C-alpha atoms as a PDB file:
ATOM      1  CA  UNK A   1      59.896  83.116  28.278  1.00  0.00           C
ATOM      2  CA  UNK A   2      58.786  79.718  29.601  1.00  0.00           C
ATOM      3  CA  UNK A   3      55.347  78.231  29.031  1.00  0.00           C
ATOM      4  CA  UNK A   4      54.646  78.737  32.727  1.00  0.00           C
ATOM      5  CA  UNK A   5      55.481  82.446  32.441  1.00  0.00           C
ATOM      6  CA  UNK A   6      53.394  82.789  29.287  1.00  0.00           C
ATOM      7  CA  UNK A   7      50.332  81.185  30.870  1.00  0.00           C
ATOM      8  CA  UNK A   8      50.800  82.989  34.185  1.00  0.00           C
ATOM      9  CA  UNK A   9      50.892  86.396  32.510  1.00  0.00           C
ATOM     10  CA  UNK A  10      47.552  85.617  30.827  1.00  0.00           C
ATOM     11  CA  UNK A  11      45.702  84.734  34.047  1.00  0.00           C
ATOM     12  CA  UNK A  12      42.595  86.809  34.787  1.00  0.00           C
ATOM     13  CA  UNK A  13      40.717  85.753  37.929  1.00  0.00           C
ATOM     14  CA  UNK A  14      37.294  86.817  36.607  1.00  0.00           C
ATOM     15  CA  UNK A  15      37.725  84.637  33.514  1.00  0.00           C
ATOM     16  CA  UNK A  16      38.664  81.637  35.631  1.00  0.00           C
ATOM     17  CA  UNK A  17      35.727  82.227  37.992  1.00  0.00           C
ATOM     18  CA  UNK A  18      33.299  82.311  35.057  1.00  0.00           C
ATOM     19  CA  UNK A  19      34.854  79.212  33.548  1.00  0.00           C
ATOM     20  CA  UNK A  20      34.649  77.029  36.656  1.00  0.00           C
ATOM     21  CA  UNK A  21      30.998  77.939  37.206  1.00  0.00           C
ATOM     22  CA  UNK A  22      30.281  75.971  34.027  1.00  0.00           C
ATOM     23  CA  UNK A  23      31.160  72.821  35.957  1.00  0.00           C
ATOM     24  CA  UNK A  24      28.985  73.403  39.061  1.00  0.00           C
ATOM     25  CA  UNK A  25      26.192  70.965  38.184  1.00  0.00           C
ATOM     26  CA  UNK A  26      28.438  68.316  36.702  1.00  0.00           C
ATOM     27  CA  UNK A  27      30.711  68.422  39.756  1.00  0.00           C
ATOM     28  CA  UNK A  28      27.845  67.359  42.011  1.00  0.00           C
ATOM     29  CA  UNK A  29      27.989  63.966  40.230  1.00  0.00           C
ATOM     30  CA  UNK A  30      31.719  63.450  40.795  1.00  0.00           C
ATOM     31  CA  UNK A  31      32.317  60.719  43.400  1.00  0.00           C
ATOM     32  CA  UNK A  32      33.257  62.119  46.809  1.00  0.00           C
ATOM     33  CA  UNK A  33      36.176  59.665  46.908  1.00  0.00           C
ATOM     34  CA  UNK A  34      37.762  61.395  43.884  1.00  0.00           C
ATOM     35  CA  UNK A  35      37.250  64.799  45.478  1.00  0.00           C
ATOM     36  CA  UNK A  36      38.953  63.593  48.671  1.00  0.00           C
ATOM     37  CA  UNK A  37      41.815  62.032  46.691  1.00  0.00           C
ATOM     38  CA  UNK A  38      42.347  65.315  44.832  1.00  0.00           C
ATOM     39  CA  UNK A  39      42.596  67.219  48.128  1.00  0.00           C
ATOM     40  CA  UNK A  40      45.061  64.652  49.512  1.00  0.00           C
ATOM     41  CA  UNK A  41      47.209  65.050  46.395  1.00  0.00           C
ATOM     42  CA  UNK A  42      47.249  68.836  46.843  1.00  0.00           C
ATOM     43  CA  UNK A  43      45.100  69.705  43.843  1.00  0.00           C
ATOM     44  CA  UNK A  44      43.217  72.944  44.605  1.00  0.00           C
ATOM     45  CA  UNK A  45      39.442  72.502  44.730  1.00  0.00           C
ATOM     46  CA  UNK A  46      38.785  74.850  41.831  1.00  0.00           C
ATOM     47  CA  UNK A  47      41.232  73.023  39.569  1.00  0.00           C
ATOM     48  CA  UNK A  48      40.017  69.586  40.591  1.00  0.00           C
ATOM     49  CA  UNK A  49      36.448  70.698  39.915  1.00  0.00           C
ATOM     50  CA  UNK A  50      37.249  71.111  36.221  1.00  0.00           C
ATOM     51  CA  UNK A  51      39.682  68.249  35.840  1.00  0.00           C
ATOM     52  CA  UNK A  52      37.598  65.638  37.658  1.00  0.00           C
ATOM     53  CA  UNK A  53      34.598  66.545  35.516  1.00  0.00           C
ATOM     54  CA  UNK A  54      36.590  66.291  32.305  1.00  0.00           C
ATOM     55  CA  UNK A  55      39.162  63.577  33.037  1.00  0.00           C
ATOM     56  CA  UNK A  56      37.498  61.634  35.822  1.00  0.00           C
ATOM     57  CA  UNK A  57      40.053  59.646  37.856  1.00  0.00           C
ATOM     58  CA  UNK A  58      42.631  59.751  35.026  1.00  0.00           C
ATOM     59  CA  UNK A  59      43.521  63.189  36.397  1.00  0.00           C
ATOM     60  CA  UNK A  60      45.591  61.513  39.119  1.00  0.00           C
ATOM     61  CA  UNK A  61      47.922  59.991  36.501  1.00  0.00           C
ATOM     62  CA  UNK A  62      47.865  63.105  34.301  1.00  0.00           C
ATOM     63  CA  UNK A  63      49.056  65.338  37.148  1.00  0.00           C
ATOM     64  CA  UNK A  64      52.411  63.540  37.163  1.00  0.00           C
ATOM     65  CA  UNK A  65      52.924  63.269  33.384  1.00  0.00           C
ATOM     66  CA  UNK A  66      55.172  65.585  31.411  1.00  0.00           C
ATOM     67  CA  UNK A  67      52.774  67.566  29.241  1.00  0.00           C
ATOM     68  CA  UNK A  68      54.106  69.157  26.022  1.00  0.00           C
ATOM     69  CA  UNK A  69      51.681  72.091  26.309  1.00  0.00           C
ATOM     70  CA  UNK A  70      53.182  72.812  29.733  1.00  0.00           C
ATOM     71  CA  UNK A  71      56.743  72.952  28.435  1.00  0.00           C
ATOM     72  CA  UNK A  72      57.211  69.224  29.156  1.00  0.00           C
ATOM     73  CA  UNK A  73      56.592  69.811  32.847  1.00  0.00           C
ATOM     74  CA  UNK A  74      53.999  68.029  34.947  1.00  0.00           C
ATOM     75  CA  UNK A  75      50.822  69.773  36.051  1.00  0.00           C
ATOM     76  CA  UNK A  76      51.799  68.898  39.633  1.00  0.00           C
ATOM     77  CA  UNK A  77      55.016  70.892  39.246  1.00  0.00           C
ATOM     78  CA  UNK A  78      52.963  73.940  38.268  1.00  0.00           C
ATOM     79  CA  UNK A  79      51.158  73.743  41.611  1.00  0.00           C
ATOM     80  CA  UNK A  80      54.371  74.393  43.543  1.00  0.00           C
ATOM     81  CA  UNK A  81      53.841  78.173  43.349  1.00  0.00           C
ATOM     82  CA  UNK A  82      50.889  80.554  43.164  1.00  0.00           C
ATOM     83  CA  UNK A  83      52.061  81.784  39.743  1.00  0.00           C
ATOM     84  CA  UNK A  84      52.383  78.207  38.532  1.00  0.00           C
ATOM     85  CA  UNK A  85      48.875  77.383  39.769  1.00  0.00           C
ATOM     86  CA  UNK A  86      47.490  80.356  37.883  1.00  0.00           C
ATOM     87  CA  UNK A  87      49.450  79.303  34.803  1.00  0.00           C
ATOM     88  CA  UNK A  88      47.878  75.845  35.061  1.00  0.00           C
ATOM     89  CA  UNK A  89      44.439  77.439  35.307  1.00  0.00           C
ATOM     90  CA  UNK A  90      45.049  79.303  32.032  1.00  0.00           C
ATOM     91  CA  UNK A  91      46.327  76.120  30.365  1.00  0.00           C
ATOM     92  CA  UNK A  92      43.218  74.235  31.529  1.00  0.00           C
ATOM     93  CA  UNK A  93      40.948  76.903  30.056  1.00  0.00           C
ATOM     94  CA  UNK A  94      42.789  76.529  26.736  1.00  0.00           C
ATOM     95  CA  UNK A  95      42.526  72.735  26.607  1.00  0.00           C
ATOM     96  CA  UNK A  96      40.461  71.481  23.657  1.00  0.00           C
ATOM     97  CA  UNK A  97      36.945  70.377  24.601  1.00  0.00           C
END
């Protein structure tokens, strides 16, 4: 089973919804330019909400890097399918903070 399959099978929408609400206030301070750039790069709003708060504009480089925790695939490659996007959401929730 691939990392993507492992993460995807663990996705629970209610858990993700609760998690992203933690970033509501912080996200209001994220520059609008970064939010627009994330949309242009195809990063879903809910994912960019977390990543922009935690990584700031480094997220734009990170999206194209091969990440060991993602089976040496890029986060951007996970966004190619709905299942991959949900797998990325699970991986984001598991990132150390």
